[in-house]
Protein backbone atom coordinates (compact mmCIF):
# COMPACT_ATOMS: atom_id res chain seq x y z
CA MET A 1 22.04 -15.19 7.94
CA ASN A 2 25.63 -14.04 7.03
CA ASP A 3 24.22 -10.91 4.84
CA PRO A 4 24.84 -8.12 7.03
CA PHE A 5 22.54 -5.58 4.90
CA ASN A 6 19.01 -7.97 6.16
CA ARG A 7 20.52 -8.35 9.76
CA ILE A 8 20.46 -4.37 10.08
CA LEU A 9 17.05 -4.18 8.44
CA GLY A 10 15.66 -6.78 10.52
CA HIS A 11 15.09 -9.35 7.75
CA ASN A 12 15.24 -12.99 8.24
CA PRO A 13 14.57 -15.35 5.21
CA ASN A 14 12.27 -17.47 7.72
CA GLN A 15 9.81 -14.33 8.29
CA ARG A 16 6.63 -14.62 6.59
CA VAL A 17 5.37 -11.33 5.19
CA GLY A 18 1.82 -9.78 3.87
CA VAL A 19 2.06 -6.86 2.21
CA PHE A 20 -1.03 -4.66 1.88
CA VAL A 21 -0.83 -1.73 -0.71
CA ASP A 22 -3.58 0.99 -0.98
CA THR A 23 -2.56 2.32 -4.15
CA GLN A 24 -5.04 5.50 -4.25
CA ASN A 25 -2.96 6.79 -1.36
CA LEU A 26 0.34 6.08 -3.03
CA TYR A 27 -0.62 7.09 -6.42
CA HIS A 28 -2.03 10.41 -5.42
CA SER A 29 1.45 11.13 -3.22
CA ALA A 30 3.59 10.21 -6.29
CA ARG A 31 1.21 12.37 -8.58
CA ASP A 32 1.01 15.59 -6.32
CA TYR A 33 4.85 15.40 -4.93
CA TYR A 34 6.65 13.63 -7.92
CA GLY A 35 4.53 13.99 -11.07
CA GLN A 36 5.19 10.36 -11.41
CA ASN A 37 3.83 6.90 -10.96
CA VAL A 38 4.82 4.22 -8.53
CA ASN A 39 6.62 1.05 -9.67
CA PHE A 40 4.15 -1.21 -7.61
CA GLU A 41 6.74 -4.42 -9.10
CA SER A 42 9.39 -2.65 -7.20
CA LEU A 43 7.77 -1.70 -4.32
CA LEU A 44 6.64 -5.64 -3.79
CA ARG A 45 10.30 -7.01 -4.50
CA PHE A 46 11.43 -4.37 -1.95
CA ALA A 47 8.73 -5.29 0.59
CA VAL A 48 9.22 -8.93 0.35
CA GLY A 49 13.03 -8.42 0.64
CA GLY A 50 14.01 -12.07 0.41
CA ARG A 51 11.53 -13.09 2.93
CA GLN A 52 8.49 -15.68 2.66
CA LEU A 53 5.72 -13.89 0.98
CA VAL A 54 2.71 -15.09 2.58
CA ARG A 55 -0.28 -12.83 0.61
CA ALA A 56 0.38 -9.33 -1.20
CA THR A 57 -3.12 -7.45 -1.57
CA ALA A 58 -3.28 -4.23 -3.72
CA TYR A 59 -6.69 -2.42 -2.79
CA VAL A 60 -8.55 -0.49 -5.98
CA VAL A 61 -11.19 1.99 -5.97
CA GLU A 62 -12.67 2.52 -9.52
CA ARG A 63 -15.41 4.24 -10.98
CA GLU A 64 -18.49 2.09 -11.80
CA ASN A 65 -18.35 1.17 -15.68
CA ASP A 66 -15.26 2.69 -16.04
CA THR A 67 -12.53 0.44 -17.85
CA SER A 68 -9.84 2.79 -18.06
CA ALA A 69 -8.14 1.18 -14.84
CA TRP A 70 -8.40 -2.21 -16.26
CA PRO A 71 -4.51 -2.32 -17.55
CA PHE A 72 -3.57 -1.11 -14.02
CA ILE A 73 -5.15 -4.00 -12.46
CA TYR A 74 -4.40 -6.60 -14.86
CA LYS A 75 -0.58 -5.36 -14.23
CA LEU A 76 -0.88 -5.60 -10.06
CA SER A 77 -2.49 -9.28 -10.48
CA THR A 78 0.44 -10.33 -12.97
CA ILE A 79 3.05 -9.21 -10.77
CA GLY A 80 1.66 -11.27 -7.68
CA PHE A 81 -0.97 -8.74 -6.12
CA ARG A 82 -4.14 -10.27 -5.24
CA VAL A 83 -6.22 -7.12 -5.99
CA ARG A 84 -9.38 -6.23 -4.01
CA ARG A 85 -11.98 -3.54 -6.24
CA MET A 86 -14.04 -1.23 -4.47
CA HIS A 87 -16.29 1.21 -6.44
CA LEU A 88 -16.90 5.08 -5.85
CA THR A 89 -19.95 5.78 -3.98
CA LEU A 90 -22.01 8.79 -3.70
CA LYS A 91 -21.20 10.44 -0.38
CA GLU A 92 -23.53 13.64 -0.71
CA THR A 93 -24.24 16.45 -3.27
CA THR A 94 -22.85 19.81 -2.35
CA ASP A 95 -25.43 22.64 -2.57
CA ASP A 96 -24.83 23.57 -6.06
CA GLY A 97 -25.41 20.12 -7.22
CA ARG A 98 -21.86 18.62 -7.30
CA PRO A 99 -21.80 15.00 -6.58
CA ILE A 100 -18.57 13.81 -3.80
CA TYR A 101 -17.56 10.20 -4.04
CA GLU A 102 -15.95 8.02 -1.92
CA GLY A 103 -14.19 4.89 -1.85
CA ASN A 104 -11.89 4.08 1.09
CA TRP A 105 -10.61 0.84 1.59
CA ASP A 106 -9.02 1.52 5.50
CA MET A 107 -11.39 -0.92 7.17
CA GLY A 108 -11.09 -3.73 4.57
CA ILE A 109 -6.92 -3.39 4.90
CA ALA A 110 -6.97 -3.40 8.77
CA ALA A 111 -9.40 -6.36 8.49
CA ASP A 112 -7.42 -8.27 6.01
CA MET A 113 -4.56 -7.77 8.18
CA VAL A 114 -6.18 -9.10 11.30
CA ARG A 115 -7.46 -12.02 9.27
CA LEU A 116 -3.83 -13.11 8.32
CA MET A 117 -2.07 -12.11 11.22
CA HIS A 118 -1.49 -15.57 12.98
CA THR A 119 0.49 -16.51 9.66
CA LEU A 120 2.64 -13.26 9.31
CA ASP A 121 5.88 -12.58 11.21
CA VAL A 122 6.02 -9.00 9.19
CA VAL A 123 3.31 -6.68 8.05
CA VAL A 124 4.43 -4.11 5.31
CA LEU A 125 1.81 -1.74 4.99
CA GLY A 126 1.84 0.74 1.56
CA SER A 127 0.31 3.78 3.07
CA GLY A 128 0.78 7.05 4.93
CA ASP A 129 -2.62 6.99 6.30
CA GLY A 130 -2.73 7.74 10.28
CA ASP A 131 -6.17 5.93 10.47
CA PHE A 132 -4.05 3.05 10.30
CA VAL A 133 -2.11 3.44 13.52
CA GLU A 134 -4.65 1.77 16.04
CA ILE A 135 -4.34 -1.56 13.93
CA VAL A 136 -0.18 -1.40 13.64
CA GLU A 137 -0.15 -1.09 17.39
CA VAL A 138 -2.33 -4.06 17.91
CA LEU A 139 -0.39 -5.87 15.42
CA MET A 140 2.53 -4.88 17.20
CA GLU A 141 1.40 -5.91 20.57
CA ARG A 142 1.23 -9.60 19.22
CA GLY A 143 4.67 -9.60 18.10
CA ILE A 144 4.57 -8.85 14.64
CA ARG A 145 6.84 -6.54 12.90
CA VAL A 146 5.45 -3.48 10.76
CA GLU A 147 6.98 -1.54 7.96
CA VAL A 148 5.49 1.38 6.40
CA ILE A 149 6.59 2.05 2.08
CA ALA A 150 5.01 5.62 1.77
CA PHE A 151 6.01 9.10 0.62
CA LYS A 152 7.21 11.09 3.82
CA GLU A 153 5.41 14.07 2.43
CA THR A 154 2.51 12.44 2.57
CA THR A 155 2.75 10.50 6.00
CA SER A 156 1.32 10.95 9.32
CA GLN A 157 4.24 11.43 11.95
CA LYS A 158 2.04 9.22 14.48
CA LEU A 159 2.20 6.23 11.92
CA ILE A 160 6.07 6.61 11.55
CA ASP A 161 6.56 7.01 15.18
CA ALA A 162 4.47 3.89 15.95
CA VAL A 163 6.13 1.31 13.47
CA ASP A 164 8.96 -0.74 13.31
CA ARG A 165 10.77 0.85 10.10
CA PHE A 166 9.45 3.66 7.48
CA ILE A 167 10.70 3.30 4.02
CA HIS A 168 10.45 6.57 1.78
CA LEU A 169 9.03 5.24 -1.09
CA PRO A 170 11.36 7.38 -3.37
CA GLU A 171 14.25 5.77 -1.80
CA ILE A 172 13.74 2.08 -2.99
CA GLU A 173 15.34 1.28 -6.06
CA ASN A 174 13.13 2.11 -9.44
CA ALA A 175 10.37 3.43 -7.52
CA PHE A 176 8.23 4.83 -10.42
CA VAL A 177 7.26 3.63 -13.33
CA PRO A 178 8.98 5.17 -16.79
CA SER A 179 6.53 7.47 -18.61
CA LYS A 180 5.67 4.94 -21.52
CA GLU A 181 4.68 2.18 -19.21
CA ARG A 182 2.51 4.10 -17.49
CA HIS A 183 -1.18 2.99 -16.89
CA PRO A 184 -3.90 5.06 -15.36
CA ILE A 185 -5.03 4.49 -11.91
CA PRO A 186 -8.87 5.15 -10.95
CA ARG A 187 -9.37 8.34 -9.37
CA GLY A 188 -10.67 7.77 -6.02
CA GLU A 189 -11.39 10.06 -3.46
CA GLN A 190 -8.76 10.40 -0.07
């Protein structure tokens, strides 16, 4: 490996990579802090970085009978993501009758990481959620390199401290989708 850039980053073309992206986590951070949408194609290209992609999975939460997310889901699948979908479920109703919905992929993402860990050298997590610290530590104890791509504004410091490498998503080339190409992402609750 003669590329000094890849040596510095810990990239080796023989490394087997799994990419796990919590689309809601990244969507809400991009919208709230940058007023933009994440370019998931650029994210995937950067995450793989010339290594061997074993699997890239994007996790989506959507409202039942709402088709507005379909173009986004289709786009994810055409750029190389396996898309896992979940419907929002009613968590509770407030005293004034307002429904509170929930849709959380954390356990599903962790389970997929465990299912694939015997085939991976590197796990790239697209989420800043501190709930992933425990699974990150388990993966690293088994010799798997863990990288996180997320927004520093919304990433748990414990997660940043736990991983081998943290990448602030806006620093990736073409990190955001040009406004004419934006697709709505289903509104999930965090």
